[in-house]
Amino acid sequence: MTDPEEILRQRLMYQSKRRGTKEADMIIGQFAIENIHSMTPEELRQFGSLLEESDPDLMSWISGIKTPPDYHKNDIFKRICNFKNILLNH
């Protein structure tokens, strides 16, 4: 496997499924499983940037408890929030 984009996808998939909390593993991990292969390079960068954050911060932003920093207010963040709402309503 020498394709840098595919290597990045694999790394992000691993990071998203092993967050450290069950809630984050479920939401972020399942989001990655369903979406990572269709993400553009820019979306992968945005997703990777979100994964660098701590679980408590990330989950408080996704849950709407706290407002995320402006640099995380992007399409991937919005898609994760929508995914969380769909996941929890089923």
Protein backbone atom coordinates (compact mmCIF):
# COMPACT_ATOMS: atom_id res chain seq x y z
CA MET A 1 0.00 0.00 0.00
CA THR A 2 1.85 3.09 -1.22
CA ASP A 3 -1.01 5.48 -1.96
CA PRO A 4 -0.63 8.30 0.61
CA GLU A 5 -4.36 9.03 0.60
CA GLU A 6 -5.21 5.40 1.31
CA ILE A 7 -2.63 5.28 4.09
CA LEU A 8 -4.23 8.39 5.58
CA ARG A 9 -7.69 6.80 5.37
CA GLN A 10 -6.41 3.70 7.18
CA ARG A 11 -4.79 5.79 9.93
CA LEU A 12 -7.90 7.93 10.41
CA MET A 13 -10.10 4.83 10.47
CA TYR A 14 -7.96 3.32 13.21
CA GLN A 15 -7.97 6.56 15.23
CA SER A 16 -11.72 7.00 14.87
CA LYS A 17 -12.57 3.51 16.13
CA ARG A 18 -10.24 3.62 19.13
CA ARG A 19 -11.04 6.94 20.73
CA GLY A 20 -11.02 5.92 24.37
CA THR A 21 -14.67 6.38 25.27
CA LYS A 22 -17.54 4.16 24.16
CA GLU A 23 -19.66 7.11 23.07
CA ALA A 24 -16.90 8.55 20.87
CA ASP A 25 -15.99 5.10 19.53
CA MET A 26 -19.61 4.54 18.55
CA ILE A 27 -20.29 7.90 16.93
CA ILE A 28 -16.92 8.77 15.40
CA GLY A 29 -16.03 5.16 14.55
CA GLN A 30 -19.34 4.42 12.86
CA PHE A 31 -19.22 7.74 11.01
CA ALA A 32 -15.78 6.81 9.67
CA ILE A 33 -16.89 3.32 8.63
CA GLU A 34 -19.77 4.77 6.63
CA ASN A 35 -18.06 7.85 5.19
CA ILE A 36 -14.27 7.72 5.07
CA HIS A 37 -13.99 6.09 1.64
CA SER A 38 -15.98 8.88 0.00
CA MET A 39 -14.15 11.77 1.71
CA THR A 40 -12.19 14.22 -0.41
CA PRO A 41 -8.59 15.06 0.56
CA GLU A 42 -9.84 18.27 2.21
CA GLU A 43 -12.48 16.38 4.17
CA LEU A 44 -9.83 13.88 5.28
CA ARG A 45 -7.72 16.78 6.54
CA GLN A 46 -10.69 18.23 8.42
CA PHE A 47 -11.54 14.84 9.90
CA GLY A 48 -7.94 14.27 10.95
CA SER A 49 -7.86 17.66 12.64
CA LEU A 50 -10.99 16.80 14.63
CA LEU A 51 -9.50 13.46 15.68
CA GLU A 52 -6.57 15.31 17.26
CA GLU A 53 -8.95 16.77 19.84
CA SER A 54 -9.75 15.13 23.18
CA ASP A 55 -12.88 13.02 23.47
CA PRO A 56 -14.49 15.28 26.09
CA ASP A 57 -14.06 18.35 23.88
CA LEU A 58 -15.09 16.58 20.70
CA MET A 59 -18.18 15.00 22.20
CA SER A 60 -19.29 18.23 23.91
CA TRP A 61 -19.09 20.00 20.53
CA ILE A 62 -20.89 17.20 18.67
CA SER A 63 -23.58 17.06 21.35
CA GLY A 64 -24.07 20.82 21.21
CA ILE A 65 -23.09 21.34 24.84
CA LYS A 66 -20.23 23.62 23.84
CA THR A 67 -19.45 25.58 20.70
CA PRO A 68 -16.48 24.26 18.72
CA PRO A 69 -13.64 26.57 17.73
CA ASP A 70 -14.18 28.30 14.40
CA TYR A 71 -11.48 26.21 12.71
CA HIS A 72 -13.60 23.09 13.31
CA LYS A 73 -16.85 24.57 12.03
CA ASN A 74 -16.66 22.86 8.64
CA ASP A 75 -18.56 20.40 6.49
CA ILE A 76 -17.13 17.29 8.17
CA PHE A 77 -18.06 18.55 11.62
CA LYS A 78 -21.60 19.29 10.43
CA ARG A 79 -21.84 15.82 8.85
CA ILE A 80 -20.72 14.16 12.10
CA CYS A 81 -23.33 16.12 14.06
CA ASN A 82 -26.05 15.11 11.60
CA PHE A 83 -24.84 11.50 11.71
CA LYS A 84 -25.00 11.53 15.53
CA ASN A 85 -28.59 12.80 15.42
CA ILE A 86 -29.62 10.12 12.91
CA LEU A 87 -27.82 7.41 14.87
CA LEU A 88 -29.46 8.36 18.15
CA ASN A 89 -32.95 8.60 16.63
CA HIS A 90 -32.94 5.01 15.40
